[in-house]
């Protein structure tokens, strides 16, 4: 990218194109995802437990493949083919949910869609880190912001199409368009150069993860056990008086907050200590969970969901920028694979823990446990950062 163009945009072309790729991918995904529970239960006659099976299986497959694709991305000269393959698989299979006649058809499509996500995520993150250089925080902030824009736009498009009397299956077919655009954008991305390790080094078990990264991932796992699905927060919002029509609006406002704070948090990550920003984000998470557990009115829900967006801005892009700091350049693929794997593999036990506590003790105590785990993790991360050798 020419120097003058870089100064105007502030980000390399590869980062910008991958950001728009994520935007269009999420538009297509979020046109389908909010309608999937209704489609499964009302159109195909599946029960709520089957919906949990679909999402649980999809996340499990995605997590394992993120780890594998990250290792593979370090062993090959080009990461872009993996990224293109991942987006291509997801874009090609996603519309087939419109043809589903039985619940297992949706399971097959959803799992295959997540196969694509698992293949592309870690190599894509490594590509962004390679291209961004010292501006990794800003680059990941931009990427997360574009991702969240898609999460706002996709459901709004789906809602508008349903309002025009289109069927759910028709909306699923239309969702192929943004997915195709996303795949085409990957085609034109110019992959930044990265250092591929020698074959012997790539196969050395001791070099898979650095001790510093391993200890960070352990702390991240502790936090993630308390970070259950945001569906529980929506359930809490509903119990505090928000109507069925208000819930999608709340979700859109929440995602707009995530857009703003992902950009601000990413920029802050290039100027301030990254571990301390993440710890601050986890502290905000604890405050939101604790406050939602004891909230009594609907207006408090709106305020807390906007604050919750700050947590995402201080963690999602900043955590990825921090991972870049903890490993050599030639190990970034596997590092992001391990990072994504930890987040994905803890999502199921986190959801089960919250569900069990919610049923046994009620929402207030269940959310308090999540807040405690977040607060403990924040303290652990600050201690870890203070003991880290200066780089």
Protein backbone atom coordinates (compact mmCIF):
# COMPACT_ATOMS: atom_id res chain seq x y z
CA UNK A 1 0.00 0.00 0.00
CA UNK A 2 1.54 3.37 -0.96
CA UNK A 3 2.58 5.59 1.99
CA UNK A 4 0.22 8.41 1.04
CA UNK A 5 -2.75 6.06 0.80
CA UNK A 6 -1.81 4.51 4.14
CA UNK A 7 -1.79 7.96 5.75
CA UNK A 8 -5.26 8.76 4.39
CA UNK A 9 -6.90 5.53 5.51
CA UNK A 10 -4.81 4.87 8.60
CA UNK A 11 -5.04 1.13 7.95
CA UNK A 12 -3.58 -1.22 5.33
CA UNK A 13 -5.82 -2.23 2.43
CA UNK A 14 -5.81 -5.87 3.53
CA UNK A 15 -7.22 -4.92 6.95
CA UNK A 16 -9.93 -2.75 5.38
CA UNK A 17 -10.98 -5.44 2.89
CA UNK A 18 -11.08 -8.12 5.59
CA UNK A 19 -13.18 -5.77 7.70
CA UNK A 20 -15.74 -5.38 4.93
CA UNK A 21 -15.61 -9.13 4.39
CA UNK A 22 -16.63 -9.59 8.00
CA UNK A 23 -19.35 -6.95 7.59
CA UNK A 24 -21.04 -8.72 4.69
CA UNK A 25 -20.55 -12.15 6.24
CA UNK A 26 -22.28 -11.05 9.41
CA UNK A 27 -25.10 -9.42 7.49
CA UNK A 28 -25.82 -12.77 5.85
CA UNK A 29 -25.40 -14.71 9.10
CA UNK A 30 -27.56 -12.37 11.17
CA UNK A 31 -30.31 -12.39 8.55
CA UNK A 32 -30.67 -16.10 9.34
CA UNK A 33 -29.68 -16.58 12.97
CA UNK A 34 -32.48 -14.61 14.72
CA UNK A 35 -35.08 -16.46 12.63
CA UNK A 36 -33.58 -19.90 13.15
CA UNK A 37 -35.30 -20.67 16.50
CA UNK A 38 -38.71 -19.83 15.02
CA UNK A 39 -37.96 -21.81 11.86
CA UNK A 40 -36.84 -24.87 13.80
CA UNK A 41 -39.63 -24.91 16.37
CA UNK A 42 -42.62 -23.62 14.39
CA UNK A 43 -41.87 -24.65 10.80
CA UNK A 44 -39.96 -27.90 11.34
CA UNK A 45 -41.47 -28.89 14.69
CA UNK A 46 -38.24 -29.26 16.67
CA UNK A 47 -38.08 -28.63 20.41
CA UNK A 48 -35.95 -26.12 22.32
CA UNK A 49 -33.48 -28.86 23.26
CA UNK A 50 -32.76 -29.47 19.58
CA UNK A 51 -31.91 -25.79 19.13
CA UNK A 52 -29.35 -26.17 21.91
CA UNK A 53 -27.93 -29.24 20.16
CA UNK A 54 -27.59 -27.35 16.89
CA UNK A 55 -25.72 -24.41 18.40
CA UNK A 56 -23.64 -26.55 20.75
CA UNK A 57 -22.49 -28.88 17.98
CA UNK A 58 -21.76 -25.95 15.67
CA UNK A 59 -19.63 -24.15 18.28
CA UNK A 60 -17.74 -27.32 19.20
CA UNK A 61 -16.78 -28.07 15.59
CA UNK A 62 -15.81 -24.45 15.01
CA UNK A 63 -13.57 -24.36 18.10
CA UNK A 64 -11.62 -27.48 17.14
CA UNK A 65 -11.09 -26.28 13.59
CA UNK A 66 -9.90 -22.85 14.75
CA UNK A 67 -7.12 -24.59 16.64
CA UNK A 68 -6.19 -26.86 13.72
CA UNK A 69 -6.34 -24.13 11.08
CA UNK A 70 -4.16 -21.87 13.21
CA UNK A 71 -1.40 -24.49 13.33
CA UNK A 72 -1.77 -25.14 9.59
CA UNK A 73 -1.57 -21.41 8.82
CA UNK A 74 1.92 -21.31 10.35
CA UNK A 75 3.13 -24.28 8.33
CA UNK A 76 2.22 -22.98 4.88
CA UNK A 77 3.52 -20.03 2.93
CA UNK A 78 0.07 -18.58 2.18
CA UNK A 79 -2.73 -18.08 4.70
CA UNK A 80 -5.19 -16.54 2.27
CA UNK A 81 -6.28 -19.88 0.70
CA UNK A 82 -7.50 -21.07 4.12
CA UNK A 83 -9.36 -17.79 4.66
CA UNK A 84 -10.95 -17.99 1.21
CA UNK A 85 -11.89 -21.65 1.72
CA UNK A 86 -13.54 -20.86 5.05
CA UNK A 87 -15.61 -17.97 3.74
CA UNK A 88 -16.45 -19.91 0.59
CA UNK A 89 -17.77 -22.95 2.48
CA UNK A 90 -19.96 -20.82 4.73
CA UNK A 91 -21.34 -18.74 1.85
CA UNK A 92 -22.05 -21.80 -0.29
CA UNK A 93 -23.83 -23.88 2.35
CA UNK A 94 -25.75 -21.20 4.26
CA UNK A 95 -28.66 -20.79 1.78
CA UNK A 96 -29.40 -24.52 1.92
CA UNK A 97 -31.15 -23.97 5.22
CA UNK A 98 -33.97 -22.62 3.05
CA UNK A 99 -34.42 -26.14 1.63
CA UNK A 100 -34.53 -27.81 5.04
CA UNK A 101 -37.49 -30.12 5.49
CA UNK A 102 -36.38 -31.79 8.70
CA UNK A 103 -34.54 -30.55 11.80
CA UNK A 104 -31.41 -32.59 11.02
CA UNK A 105 -31.07 -30.68 7.75
CA UNK A 106 -30.62 -27.47 9.74
CA UNK A 107 -28.09 -29.20 11.99
CA UNK A 108 -26.05 -30.27 8.96
CA UNK A 109 -26.12 -26.81 7.40
CA UNK A 110 -25.31 -25.00 10.64
CA UNK A 111 -22.39 -27.30 11.46
CA UNK A 112 -20.99 -26.96 7.93
CA UNK A 113 -21.35 -23.17 8.18
CA UNK A 114 -19.30 -23.28 11.40
CA UNK A 115 -16.74 -25.50 9.67
CA UNK A 116 -16.14 -22.55 7.38
CA UNK A 117 -15.83 -20.20 10.35
CA UNK A 118 -13.41 -22.56 12.07
CA UNK A 119 -11.19 -22.80 9.00
CA UNK A 120 -10.98 -19.06 8.36
CA UNK A 121 -10.89 -17.37 11.77
CA UNK A 122 -7.36 -18.04 13.02
CA UNK A 123 -5.57 -17.54 9.64
CA UNK A 124 -7.57 -14.35 9.12
CA UNK A 125 -6.59 -12.98 12.53
CA UNK A 126 -2.96 -13.81 11.76
CA UNK A 127 -3.24 -12.01 8.41
CA UNK A 128 -4.62 -8.91 10.15
CA UNK A 129 -1.80 -9.00 12.69
CA UNK A 130 0.79 -9.38 9.90
CA UNK A 131 -0.64 -6.46 7.94
CA UNK A 132 -1.21 -4.15 10.92
CA UNK A 133 2.29 -4.11 12.37
CA UNK A 134 2.37 -1.74 15.34
CA UNK A 135 -1.27 -0.75 14.81
CA UNK A 136 -2.69 -4.14 15.74
CA UNK A 137 -5.12 -2.67 18.26
CA UNK A 138 -6.60 -0.26 15.76
CA UNK A 139 -6.77 -2.96 13.08
CA UNK A 140 -8.61 -5.44 15.28
CA UNK A 141 -10.84 -2.64 16.58
CA UNK A 142 -11.83 -1.78 13.02
CA UNK A 143 -12.47 -5.44 12.21
CA UNK A 144 -14.65 -5.98 15.29
CA UNK A 145 -16.54 -2.76 14.61
CA UNK A 146 -17.38 -3.91 11.08
CA UNK A 147 -18.42 -7.28 12.48
CA UNK A 148 -20.83 -5.59 14.88
CA UNK A 149 -22.22 -3.33 12.14
CA UNK A 150 -23.18 -6.51 10.31
CA UNK A 151 -24.88 -7.75 13.48
CA UNK A 152 -27.01 -4.59 13.46
CA UNK A 153 -27.78 -4.46 9.75
CA UNK A 154 -28.53 -8.17 9.18
CA UNK A 155 -31.51 -8.48 11.58
CA UNK A 156 -32.90 -5.13 10.38
CA UNK A 157 -32.83 -6.34 6.77
CA UNK A 158 -34.51 -9.60 7.79
CA UNK A 159 -37.15 -7.71 9.76
CA UNK A 160 -37.84 -5.46 6.78
CA UNK A 161 -38.19 -8.42 4.42
CA UNK A 162 -40.58 -10.17 6.80
CA UNK A 163 -42.58 -6.93 7.05
CA UNK A 164 -42.88 -7.03 3.24
CA UNK A 165 -44.60 -10.40 3.65
CA UNK A 166 -41.67 -12.51 2.47
CA UNK A 167 -41.43 -15.98 3.98
CA UNK A 168 -38.61 -17.06 6.27
CA UNK A 169 -37.34 -19.38 3.53
CA UNK A 170 -37.21 -16.43 1.12
CA UNK A 171 -35.14 -14.43 3.59
CA UNK A 172 -32.73 -17.37 3.86
CA UNK A 173 -32.30 -17.39 0.08
CA UNK A 174 -31.64 -13.65 -0.04
CA UNK A 175 -28.95 -14.10 2.61
CA UNK A 176 -26.75 -15.68 -0.08
CA UNK A 177 -26.09 -12.24 -1.59
CA UNK A 178 -24.00 -10.67 1.21
CA UNK A 179 -22.20 -13.99 1.65
CA UNK A 180 -21.19 -14.02 -2.01
CA UNK A 181 -19.95 -10.42 -1.74
CA UNK A 182 -17.84 -11.36 1.29
CA UNK A 183 -16.19 -14.23 -0.59
CA UNK A 184 -15.39 -11.99 -3.57
CA UNK A 185 -13.75 -9.45 -1.26
CA UNK A 186 -11.39 -12.12 0.06
CA UNK A 187 -10.37 -12.92 -3.52
CA UNK A 188 -9.01 -9.39 -4.04
CA UNK A 189 -7.17 -9.20 -0.69
CA UNK A 190 -3.39 -9.08 -1.11
CA UNK A 191 -1.90 -11.21 1.62
CA UNK A 192 0.85 -9.55 3.66
CA UNK A 193 4.14 -11.41 3.95
CA UNK A 194 4.73 -13.51 7.01
CA UNK A 195 7.57 -15.67 8.27
CA UNK A 196 6.88 -19.38 7.83
CA UNK A 197 8.97 -21.52 10.19
CA UNK A 198 11.22 -24.30 9.03
CA UNK A 199 9.57 -27.70 8.88
CA UNK A 200 11.51 -28.99 11.88
CA UNK A 201 10.59 -25.97 13.99
CA UNK A 202 6.92 -26.21 13.05
CA UNK A 203 6.83 -29.80 14.28
CA UNK A 204 8.54 -29.13 17.60
CA UNK A 205 5.94 -29.63 20.40
CA UNK A 206 7.70 -27.25 22.76
CA UNK A 207 7.21 -24.38 20.37
CA UNK A 208 3.45 -24.67 20.01
CA UNK A 209 2.76 -22.06 22.69
CA UNK A 210 5.01 -19.79 24.71
CA UNK A 211 4.75 -20.05 28.53
CA UNK A 212 3.53 -16.46 28.69
CA UNK A 213 0.73 -17.10 26.23
CA UNK A 214 -0.21 -20.34 28.00
CA UNK A 215 -0.58 -18.60 31.36
CA UNK A 216 -2.65 -15.85 29.72
CA UNK A 217 -4.97 -18.41 28.14
CA UNK A 218 -5.49 -20.08 31.52
CA UNK A 219 -6.65 -16.76 32.97
CA UNK A 220 -8.85 -16.21 29.91
CA UNK A 221 -10.43 -19.63 30.47
CA UNK A 222 -11.33 -18.70 34.04
CA UNK A 223 -13.05 -15.56 32.83
CA UNK A 224 -14.79 -17.38 29.99
CA UNK A 225 -16.40 -19.86 32.39
CA UNK A 226 -18.42 -16.93 33.76
CA UNK A 227 -19.08 -15.41 30.35
CA UNK A 228 -22.21 -17.29 29.31
CA UNK A 229 -24.39 -16.62 26.29
CA UNK A 230 -25.88 -13.14 26.04
CA UNK A 231 -29.20 -14.91 25.55
CA UNK A 232 -29.39 -15.10 29.34
CA UNK A 233 -29.14 -11.31 29.54
CA UNK A 234 -31.97 -10.99 27.03
CA UNK A 235 -33.99 -13.40 29.15
CA UNK A 236 -33.31 -11.17 32.15
CA UNK A 237 -34.37 -8.10 30.16
CA UNK A 238 -37.64 -9.80 29.27
CA UNK A 239 -38.30 -10.60 32.93
CA UNK A 240 -37.80 -6.92 33.82
CA UNK A 241 -40.64 -5.77 31.58
CA UNK A 242 -39.29 -5.38 28.04
CA UNK A 243 -41.83 -6.47 25.46
CA UNK A 244 -41.19 -8.94 22.65
CA UNK A 245 -40.99 -6.06 20.14
CA UNK A 246 -38.55 -4.12 22.34
CA UNK A 247 -36.05 -6.96 22.62
CA UNK A 248 -34.78 -6.69 18.99
CA UNK A 249 -34.47 -2.92 19.42
CA UNK A 250 -32.46 -3.44 22.62
CA UNK A 251 -30.22 -5.87 20.73
CA UNK A 252 -29.66 -3.34 17.94
CA UNK A 253 -28.79 -0.58 20.45
CA UNK A 254 -26.41 -2.95 22.20
CA UNK A 255 -24.64 -3.78 18.93
CA UNK A 256 -24.35 -0.08 18.08
CA UNK A 257 -22.60 0.41 21.41
CA UNK A 258 -20.27 -2.45 20.49
CA UNK A 259 -19.48 -0.77 17.15
CA UNK A 260 -18.43 2.49 18.82
CA UNK A 261 -16.45 0.92 21.62
CA UNK A 262 -14.72 -1.68 19.44
CA UNK A 263 -13.23 1.19 17.42
CA UNK A 264 -12.32 3.23 20.50
CA UNK A 265 -10.95 0.23 22.37
CA UNK A 266 -8.84 -0.86 19.42
CA UNK A 267 -7.30 2.60 19.13
CA UNK A 268 -6.65 2.71 22.88
CA UNK A 269 -4.85 -0.63 22.66
CA UNK A 270 -2.08 1.01 20.59
CA UNK A 271 -1.47 3.68 23.24
CA UNK A 272 -2.18 2.05 26.61
CA UNK A 273 -1.12 -1.22 28.28
CA UNK A 274 -3.24 -3.89 26.64
CA UNK A 275 -3.54 -6.27 29.58
CA UNK A 276 -4.80 -3.46 31.80
CA UNK A 277 -7.44 -2.51 29.23
CA UNK A 278 -8.65 -6.11 29.14
CA UNK A 279 -8.75 -6.22 32.95
CA UNK A 280 -10.80 -3.01 32.88
CA UNK A 281 -13.20 -4.60 30.42
CA UNK A 282 -13.62 -7.61 32.66
CA UNK A 283 -14.30 -5.30 35.59
CA UNK A 284 -17.07 -3.61 33.58
CA UNK A 285 -18.46 -7.06 32.77
CA UNK A 286 -18.62 -7.81 36.50
CA UNK A 287 -20.44 -4.55 37.16
CA UNK A 288 -23.00 -5.19 34.40
CA UNK A 289 -23.70 -8.75 35.53
CA UNK A 290 -24.02 -7.71 39.16
CA UNK A 291 -26.27 -4.75 38.33
CA UNK A 292 -28.50 -6.73 35.96
CA UNK A 293 -28.97 -9.34 38.63
CA UNK A 294 -30.36 -6.69 40.99
CA UNK A 295 -32.05 -4.38 38.45
CA UNK A 296 -35.73 -3.61 39.05
CA UNK A 297 -36.86 -1.46 36.12
CA UNK A 298 -36.66 -1.51 32.33
CA UNK A 299 -34.65 1.72 31.99
CA UNK A 300 -31.84 0.15 33.98
CA UNK A 301 -31.68 -2.64 31.41
CA UNK A 302 -31.20 -0.15 28.56
CA UNK A 303 -28.41 1.67 30.40
CA UNK A 304 -26.62 -1.53 31.38
CA UNK A 305 -26.75 -2.97 27.86
CA UNK A 306 -25.14 0.21 26.52
CA UNK A 307 -22.45 -0.10 29.21
CA UNK A 308 -22.05 -3.76 28.27
CA UNK A 309 -20.87 -2.59 24.85
CA UNK A 310 -17.88 -0.97 26.58
CA UNK A 311 -16.84 -4.41 27.85
CA UNK A 312 -16.73 -5.74 24.30
CA UNK A 313 -14.74 -2.75 23.09
CA UNK A 314 -12.10 -3.18 25.79
CA UNK A 315 -11.75 -6.93 25.26
CA UNK A 316 -12.43 -8.33 21.78
CA UNK A 317 -9.95 -6.22 19.74
CA UNK A 318 -7.55 -5.68 22.65
CA UNK A 319 -7.27 -9.38 23.49
CA UNK A 320 -6.32 -10.17 19.90
CA UNK A 321 -3.75 -7.40 19.86
CA UNK A 322 -2.33 -8.75 23.14
CA UNK A 323 -1.99 -12.25 21.67
CA UNK A 324 0.17 -10.73 18.93
CA UNK A 325 2.55 -9.43 21.61
CA UNK A 326 3.00 -12.83 23.26
CA UNK A 327 4.38 -14.94 20.40
CA UNK A 328 6.92 -14.63 17.59
CA UNK A 329 5.55 -13.66 14.19
CA UNK A 330 5.95 -17.19 12.79
CA UNK A 331 3.66 -18.62 15.52
CA UNK A 332 0.74 -16.22 15.19
CA UNK A 333 -1.55 -18.67 13.41
CA UNK A 334 -1.39 -21.29 16.14
CA UNK A 335 -1.56 -18.59 18.83
CA UNK A 336 -4.83 -17.26 17.46
CA UNK A 337 -6.01 -20.83 17.03
CA UNK A 338 -5.39 -21.53 20.71
CA UNK A 339 -7.01 -18.22 21.72
CA UNK A 340 -10.15 -18.92 19.67
CA UNK A 341 -10.22 -22.52 20.90
CA UNK A 342 -10.19 -21.51 24.57
CA UNK A 343 -13.07 -19.09 24.06
CA UNK A 344 -15.07 -21.60 22.05
CA UNK A 345 -14.48 -24.69 24.18
CA UNK A 346 -15.49 -22.89 27.40
CA UNK A 347 -18.76 -21.61 25.95
CA UNK A 348 -20.61 -24.89 26.54
CA UNK A 349 -19.66 -25.33 30.23
CA UNK A 350 -20.25 -21.61 30.78
CA UNK A 351 -23.76 -21.91 29.39
CA UNK A 352 -24.49 -25.05 31.38
CA UNK A 353 -23.18 -23.43 34.58
CA UNK A 354 -25.33 -20.35 34.11
CA UNK A 355 -28.38 -22.44 33.21
CA UNK A 356 -28.06 -24.67 36.27
CA UNK A 357 -27.49 -21.74 38.63
CA UNK A 358 -30.33 -19.77 37.01
CA UNK A 359 -32.75 -22.67 37.56
CA UNK A 360 -31.59 -23.47 41.09
CA UNK A 361 -30.95 -20.04 42.61
CA UNK A 362 -32.57 -17.54 40.25
CA UNK A 363 -31.06 -14.95 37.91
CA UNK A 364 -29.62 -12.64 40.58
CA UNK A 365 -27.37 -15.28 42.16
CA UNK A 366 -26.46 -16.82 38.79
CA UNK A 367 -25.30 -13.45 37.46
CA UNK A 368 -23.43 -12.80 40.70
CA UNK A 369 -21.32 -15.93 40.08
CA UNK A 370 -20.44 -14.64 36.62
CA UNK A 371 -19.48 -11.29 38.14
CA UNK A 372 -17.24 -12.94 40.73
CA UNK A 373 -15.41 -15.01 38.11
CA UNK A 374 -14.85 -11.87 36.03
CA UNK A 375 -13.53 -9.89 39.00
CA UNK A 376 -11.18 -12.70 40.02
CA UNK A 377 -9.93 -13.01 36.44
CA UNK A 378 -9.27 -9.25 36.25
CA UNK A 379 -7.11 -9.40 39.37
CA UNK A 380 -5.27 -12.47 38.04
CA UNK A 381 -4.58 -10.68 34.76
CA UNK A 382 -3.18 -7.59 36.50
CA UNK A 383 -0.87 -9.77 38.61
CA UNK A 384 0.19 -11.68 35.48
CA UNK A 385 0.92 -8.44 33.68
CA UNK A 386 2.99 -7.04 36.55
CA UNK A 387 5.15 -10.17 36.58
CA UNK A 388 5.61 -10.33 32.84
CA UNK A 389 9.13 -9.68 31.67
CA UNK A 390 9.37 -6.38 29.77
CA UNK A 391 9.41 -6.85 26.00
